[in-house]
């Protein structure tokens, strides 16, 4: 809990660089683009969303699925003309599925 409180003080998304927040549950991975200056969610996606469901099924394990989801998320963000972001790992360690998602987003064209 205290990790999340410290993080909230430092990581802020703007209109130019929205915040990419990731959430991982035991089964799924969720991601959102947030503009904190307007208190708005620009876009959200998770494993079972219509856009990503078919492609994500091709992954053999949860880490591979997260990387695929990151690539798809980046493609959708580029449609909104967002290329630069601030990555918010939401208190999770930068390892495993969170790192795979970030790597996929970078491969998809997001800069952070």
N, C-alpha and C. Protein backbone atom coordinates (compact mmCIF):
# COMPACT_ATOMS: atom_id res chain seq x y z
N UNK A 1 0.82 -1.20 0.00
CA UNK A 1 0.00 0.00 0.00
C UNK A 1 0.86 1.26 0.00
N UNK A 2 1.91 1.29 0.82
CA UNK A 2 2.73 2.49 0.89
C UNK A 2 3.48 2.73 -0.41
N UNK A 3 3.79 1.67 -1.16
CA UNK A 3 4.45 1.83 -2.46
C UNK A 3 3.54 2.60 -3.40
N UNK A 4 2.25 2.29 -3.38
CA UNK A 4 1.30 2.96 -4.27
C UNK A 4 1.15 4.43 -3.89
N UNK A 5 1.18 4.74 -2.62
CA UNK A 5 1.05 6.13 -2.17
C UNK A 5 2.26 6.94 -2.62
N UNK A 6 3.46 6.40 -2.48
CA UNK A 6 4.67 7.10 -2.93
C UNK A 6 4.64 7.30 -4.44
N UNK A 7 4.17 6.30 -5.15
CA UNK A 7 4.10 6.37 -6.61
C UNK A 7 3.15 7.47 -7.06
N UNK A 8 2.01 7.58 -6.40
CA UNK A 8 1.00 8.57 -6.79
C UNK A 8 1.53 10.00 -6.71
N UNK A 9 2.46 10.25 -5.80
CA UNK A 9 3.03 11.58 -5.65
C UNK A 9 3.92 11.95 -6.83
N UNK A 10 4.59 10.96 -7.43
CA UNK A 10 5.62 11.23 -8.41
C UNK A 10 5.15 11.11 -9.86
N UNK A 11 4.28 10.16 -10.14
CA UNK A 11 3.91 9.86 -11.53
C UNK A 11 2.58 10.53 -11.85
N UNK A 12 2.64 11.48 -12.78
CA UNK A 12 1.44 12.22 -13.17
C UNK A 12 1.40 12.28 -14.69
N UNK A 13 0.23 11.98 -15.24
CA UNK A 13 0.05 12.05 -16.69
C UNK A 13 -0.53 13.39 -17.10
N UNK A 14 -0.11 13.87 -18.26
CA UNK A 14 -0.62 15.14 -18.79
C UNK A 14 -1.25 14.87 -20.15
N UNK A 15 -1.74 15.92 -20.78
CA UNK A 15 -2.32 15.76 -22.11
C UNK A 15 -1.26 15.36 -23.13
N UNK A 16 -0.03 15.88 -22.97
CA UNK A 16 1.05 15.56 -23.89
C UNK A 16 1.60 14.16 -23.63
N UNK A 17 1.71 13.80 -22.35
CA UNK A 17 2.23 12.48 -21.96
C UNK A 17 1.28 11.84 -20.96
N UNK A 18 0.26 11.12 -21.45
CA UNK A 18 -0.66 10.48 -20.51
C UNK A 18 0.02 9.33 -19.75
N UNK A 19 -0.58 8.96 -18.67
CA UNK A 19 -0.05 7.91 -17.81
C UNK A 19 -0.62 6.57 -18.26
N UNK A 20 0.25 5.59 -18.49
CA UNK A 20 -0.17 4.24 -18.84
C UNK A 20 -0.14 3.41 -17.56
N UNK A 21 -1.31 3.04 -17.06
CA UNK A 21 -1.43 2.30 -15.81
C UNK A 21 -1.70 0.84 -16.14
N UNK A 22 -0.95 -0.06 -15.52
CA UNK A 22 -1.20 -1.49 -15.71
C UNK A 22 -1.73 -2.09 -14.42
N UNK A 23 -2.58 -3.08 -14.58
CA UNK A 23 -3.10 -3.85 -13.45
C UNK A 23 -3.05 -5.30 -13.85
N UNK A 24 -2.54 -6.14 -13.00
CA UNK A 24 -2.53 -7.56 -13.32
C UNK A 24 -3.25 -8.32 -12.21
N UNK A 25 -4.14 -9.19 -12.65
CA UNK A 25 -4.78 -10.10 -11.72
C UNK A 25 -4.14 -11.46 -11.93
N UNK A 26 -4.64 -12.47 -11.27
CA UNK A 26 -4.07 -13.80 -11.45
C UNK A 26 -4.25 -14.32 -12.87
N UNK A 27 -5.33 -13.91 -13.54
CA UNK A 27 -5.63 -14.40 -14.88
C UNK A 27 -5.36 -13.39 -15.97
N UNK A 28 -5.69 -12.14 -15.75
CA UNK A 28 -5.73 -11.15 -16.82
C UNK A 28 -4.79 -9.98 -16.59
N UNK A 29 -4.65 -9.19 -17.63
CA UNK A 29 -3.85 -7.97 -17.59
C UNK A 29 -4.72 -6.84 -18.10
N UNK A 30 -4.76 -5.72 -17.38
CA UNK A 30 -5.54 -4.56 -17.75
C UNK A 30 -4.59 -3.39 -17.95
N UNK A 31 -4.95 -2.46 -18.84
CA UNK A 31 -4.15 -1.26 -19.06
C UNK A 31 -5.07 -0.09 -19.40
N UNK A 32 -4.68 1.10 -18.94
CA UNK A 32 -5.45 2.31 -19.22
C UNK A 32 -4.50 3.47 -19.50
N UNK A 33 -4.91 4.36 -20.38
CA UNK A 33 -4.23 5.63 -20.59
C UNK A 33 -5.03 6.70 -19.85
N UNK A 34 -4.37 7.41 -18.94
CA UNK A 34 -5.05 8.38 -18.09
C UNK A 34 -4.41 9.75 -18.24
N UNK A 35 -5.27 10.76 -18.43
CA UNK A 35 -4.83 12.15 -18.43
C UNK A 35 -5.23 12.73 -17.07
N UNK A 36 -4.25 12.86 -16.18
CA UNK A 36 -4.53 13.32 -14.81
C UNK A 36 -4.90 14.79 -14.75
N UNK A 37 -4.44 15.60 -15.70
CA UNK A 37 -4.76 17.01 -15.66
C UNK A 37 -6.26 17.25 -15.89
N UNK A 38 -6.91 16.39 -16.67
CA UNK A 38 -8.35 16.50 -16.93
C UNK A 38 -9.15 15.43 -16.19
N UNK A 39 -8.47 14.57 -15.42
CA UNK A 39 -9.11 13.45 -14.73
C UNK A 39 -9.94 12.60 -15.70
N UNK A 40 -9.31 12.19 -16.80
CA UNK A 40 -9.98 11.47 -17.86
C UNK A 40 -9.23 10.20 -18.22
N UNK A 41 -9.98 9.13 -18.48
CA UNK A 41 -9.40 7.91 -19.02
C UNK A 41 -9.55 7.99 -20.54
N UNK A 42 -8.42 8.02 -21.24
CA UNK A 42 -8.45 8.15 -22.69
C UNK A 42 -8.77 6.84 -23.38
N UNK A 43 -8.26 5.74 -22.81
CA UNK A 43 -8.44 4.44 -23.43
C UNK A 43 -8.17 3.36 -22.40
N UNK A 44 -8.86 2.26 -22.53
CA UNK A 44 -8.64 1.13 -21.66
C UNK A 44 -8.72 -0.17 -22.45
N UNK A 45 -8.01 -1.19 -21.97
CA UNK A 45 -8.01 -2.47 -22.68
C UNK A 45 -7.61 -3.58 -21.70
N UNK A 46 -8.13 -4.78 -21.93
CA UNK A 46 -7.66 -5.94 -21.19
C UNK A 46 -7.74 -7.16 -22.07
N UNK A 47 -7.27 -8.28 -21.57
CA UNK A 47 -7.12 -9.50 -22.37
C UNK A 47 -8.39 -9.91 -23.11
N UNK A 48 -9.52 -9.71 -22.51
CA UNK A 48 -10.78 -10.19 -23.09
C UNK A 48 -11.53 -9.13 -23.88
N UNK A 49 -10.94 -7.95 -24.09
CA UNK A 49 -11.62 -6.92 -24.87
C UNK A 49 -11.74 -7.36 -26.33
N UNK A 50 -12.72 -6.81 -27.03
CA UNK A 50 -13.02 -7.23 -28.40
C UNK A 50 -11.81 -7.10 -29.32
N UNK A 51 -11.05 -6.04 -29.14
CA UNK A 51 -9.93 -5.77 -30.03
C UNK A 51 -8.81 -6.78 -29.83
N UNK A 52 -8.56 -7.19 -28.60
CA UNK A 52 -7.38 -7.98 -28.30
C UNK A 52 -7.61 -9.47 -28.12
N UNK A 53 -8.83 -9.90 -27.92
CA UNK A 53 -9.10 -11.28 -27.50
C UNK A 53 -8.52 -12.32 -28.44
N UNK A 54 -8.72 -12.16 -29.74
CA UNK A 54 -8.26 -13.18 -30.69
C UNK A 54 -6.74 -13.26 -30.74
N UNK A 55 -6.08 -12.13 -30.79
CA UNK A 55 -4.62 -12.12 -30.88
C UNK A 55 -3.97 -12.64 -29.61
N UNK A 56 -4.56 -12.30 -28.48
CA UNK A 56 -3.97 -12.69 -27.19
C UNK A 56 -4.06 -14.20 -26.99
N UNK A 57 -5.05 -14.84 -27.57
CA UNK A 57 -5.19 -16.30 -27.43
C UNK A 57 -4.00 -17.06 -28.00
N UNK A 58 -3.27 -16.43 -28.92
CA UNK A 58 -2.13 -17.09 -29.55
C UNK A 58 -0.95 -17.27 -28.59
N UNK A 59 -0.90 -16.49 -27.52
CA UNK A 59 0.19 -16.60 -26.56
C UNK A 59 0.12 -17.91 -25.80
N UNK A 60 1.28 -18.50 -25.55
CA UNK A 60 1.33 -19.81 -24.87
C UNK A 60 1.17 -19.70 -23.37
N UNK A 61 1.63 -18.57 -22.81
CA UNK A 61 1.48 -18.37 -21.37
C UNK A 61 1.10 -16.92 -21.10
N UNK A 62 0.92 -16.59 -19.83
CA UNK A 62 0.45 -15.25 -19.48
C UNK A 62 1.45 -14.16 -19.84
N UNK A 63 2.73 -14.46 -19.78
CA UNK A 63 3.75 -13.47 -20.11
C UNK A 63 3.70 -13.14 -21.60
N UNK A 64 3.59 -14.14 -22.44
CA UNK A 64 3.49 -13.90 -23.88
C UNK A 64 2.21 -13.15 -24.22
N UNK A 65 1.12 -13.48 -23.55
CA UNK A 65 -0.14 -12.78 -23.77
C UNK A 65 -0.02 -11.31 -23.40
N UNK A 66 0.71 -11.03 -22.34
CA UNK A 66 0.90 -9.65 -21.91
C UNK A 66 1.68 -8.86 -22.95
N UNK A 67 2.69 -9.49 -23.54
CA UNK A 67 3.49 -8.80 -24.56
C UNK A 67 2.64 -8.50 -25.79
N UNK A 68 1.81 -9.45 -26.21
CA UNK A 68 0.93 -9.24 -27.34
C UNK A 68 -0.06 -8.12 -27.04
N UNK A 69 -0.60 -8.12 -25.82
CA UNK A 69 -1.53 -7.07 -25.41
C UNK A 69 -0.85 -5.71 -25.44
N UNK A 70 0.41 -5.64 -25.04
CA UNK A 70 1.16 -4.39 -25.09
C UNK A 70 1.29 -3.85 -26.50
N UNK A 71 1.55 -4.74 -27.46
CA UNK A 71 1.67 -4.31 -28.86
C UNK A 71 0.33 -3.77 -29.37
N UNK A 72 -0.75 -4.48 -29.08
CA UNK A 72 -2.08 -4.05 -29.53
C UNK A 72 -2.46 -2.73 -28.87
N UNK A 73 -2.13 -2.60 -27.59
CA UNK A 73 -2.42 -1.36 -26.87
C UNK A 73 -1.70 -0.19 -27.51
N UNK A 74 -0.44 -0.40 -27.89
CA UNK A 74 0.34 0.67 -28.52
C UNK A 74 -0.27 1.08 -29.86
N UNK A 75 -0.73 0.11 -30.63
CA UNK A 75 -1.36 0.41 -31.91
C UNK A 75 -2.61 1.26 -31.72
N UNK A 76 -3.42 0.92 -30.73
CA UNK A 76 -4.63 1.69 -30.46
C UNK A 76 -4.30 3.08 -29.94
N UNK A 77 -3.25 3.20 -29.14
CA UNK A 77 -2.84 4.51 -28.61
C UNK A 77 -2.35 5.40 -29.74
N UNK A 78 -1.67 4.82 -30.73
CA UNK A 78 -1.19 5.61 -31.86
C UNK A 78 -2.35 6.14 -32.69
N UNK A 79 -3.47 5.41 -32.70
CA UNK A 79 -4.66 5.91 -33.40
C UNK A 79 -5.21 7.15 -32.71
N UNK A 80 -5.00 7.26 -31.39
CA UNK A 80 -5.40 8.45 -30.64
C UNK A 80 -4.31 9.53 -30.69
N UNK A 81 -3.27 9.30 -31.48
CA UNK A 81 -2.14 10.22 -31.65
C UNK A 81 -1.36 10.39 -30.35
N UNK A 82 -1.23 9.29 -29.60
CA UNK A 82 -0.42 9.28 -28.39
C UNK A 82 0.80 8.41 -28.67
N UNK A 83 1.97 9.01 -28.57
CA UNK A 83 3.20 8.23 -28.77
C UNK A 83 4.11 8.29 -27.55
N UNK A 84 4.01 9.36 -26.76
CA UNK A 84 4.83 9.49 -25.56
C UNK A 84 3.95 9.33 -24.34
N UNK A 85 4.39 8.47 -23.43
CA UNK A 85 3.61 8.20 -22.23
C UNK A 85 4.51 8.18 -21.00
N UNK A 86 3.87 8.14 -19.84
CA UNK A 86 4.53 7.91 -18.57
C UNK A 86 4.05 6.55 -18.09
N UNK A 87 4.96 5.63 -17.83
CA UNK A 87 4.59 4.26 -17.46
C UNK A 87 4.38 4.17 -15.95
N UNK A 88 3.22 3.71 -15.56
CA UNK A 88 2.87 3.53 -14.15
C UNK A 88 2.66 2.05 -13.91
N UNK A 89 3.60 1.43 -13.22
CA UNK A 89 3.50 -0.02 -13.00
C UNK A 89 2.57 -0.37 -11.84
N UNK A 90 1.97 0.64 -11.23
CA UNK A 90 0.92 0.46 -10.23
C UNK A 90 1.40 -0.31 -8.99
N UNK A 91 2.64 -0.11 -8.61
CA UNK A 91 3.16 -0.76 -7.41
C UNK A 91 3.71 -2.14 -7.65
N UNK A 92 3.55 -2.69 -8.83
CA UNK A 92 4.09 -4.02 -9.13
C UNK A 92 5.58 -3.88 -9.46
N UNK A 93 6.32 -4.94 -9.20
CA UNK A 93 7.72 -4.95 -9.57
C UNK A 93 7.83 -5.00 -11.09
N UNK A 94 8.84 -4.35 -11.63
CA UNK A 94 9.05 -4.34 -13.08
C UNK A 94 9.70 -5.67 -13.47
N UNK A 95 8.85 -6.69 -13.57
CA UNK A 95 9.33 -8.04 -13.80
C UNK A 95 8.18 -8.86 -14.35
N UNK A 96 8.45 -9.88 -15.11
CA UNK A 96 7.42 -10.80 -15.57
C UNK A 96 6.43 -10.17 -16.52
N UNK A 97 5.15 -10.26 -16.17
CA UNK A 97 4.09 -9.78 -17.06
C UNK A 97 4.09 -8.27 -17.23
N UNK A 98 4.44 -7.54 -16.19
CA UNK A 98 4.49 -6.08 -16.28
C UNK A 98 5.60 -5.66 -17.25
N UNK A 99 6.76 -6.29 -17.14
CA UNK A 99 7.88 -6.00 -18.04
C UNK A 99 7.54 -6.42 -19.47
N UNK A 100 6.89 -7.57 -19.64
CA UNK A 100 6.52 -8.04 -20.97
C UNK A 100 5.53 -7.08 -21.62
N UNK A 101 4.57 -6.58 -20.86
CA UNK A 101 3.63 -5.60 -21.40
C UNK A 101 4.36 -4.34 -21.85
N UNK A 102 5.27 -3.85 -21.02
CA UNK A 102 6.03 -2.64 -21.35
C UNK A 102 6.88 -2.86 -22.60
N UNK A 103 7.52 -4.02 -22.71
CA UNK A 103 8.32 -4.32 -23.89
C UNK A 103 7.45 -4.38 -25.15
N UNK A 104 6.28 -4.97 -25.04
CA UNK A 104 5.36 -5.02 -26.17
C UNK A 104 4.89 -3.63 -26.57
N UNK A 105 4.64 -2.78 -25.59
CA UNK A 105 4.20 -1.41 -25.89
C UNK A 105 5.33 -0.63 -26.58
N UNK A 106 6.56 -0.86 -26.14
CA UNK A 106 7.69 -0.19 -26.79
C UNK A 106 7.84 -0.67 -28.23
N UNK A 107 7.70 -1.98 -28.44
CA UNK A 107 7.79 -2.52 -29.80
C UNK A 107 6.67 -1.98 -30.68
N UNK A 108 5.52 -1.72 -30.08
CA UNK A 108 4.40 -1.18 -30.82
C UNK A 108 4.55 0.30 -31.17
N UNK A 109 5.53 0.98 -30.57
CA UNK A 109 5.79 2.36 -30.95
C UNK A 109 5.60 3.39 -29.86
N UNK A 110 5.32 2.98 -28.63
CA UNK A 110 5.19 3.96 -27.54
C UNK A 110 6.56 4.29 -26.98
N UNK A 111 6.73 5.54 -26.61
CA UNK A 111 8.00 6.03 -26.09
C UNK A 111 7.83 6.39 -24.62
N UNK A 112 8.59 5.69 -23.75
CA UNK A 112 8.60 6.03 -22.32
C UNK A 112 9.91 5.65 -21.68
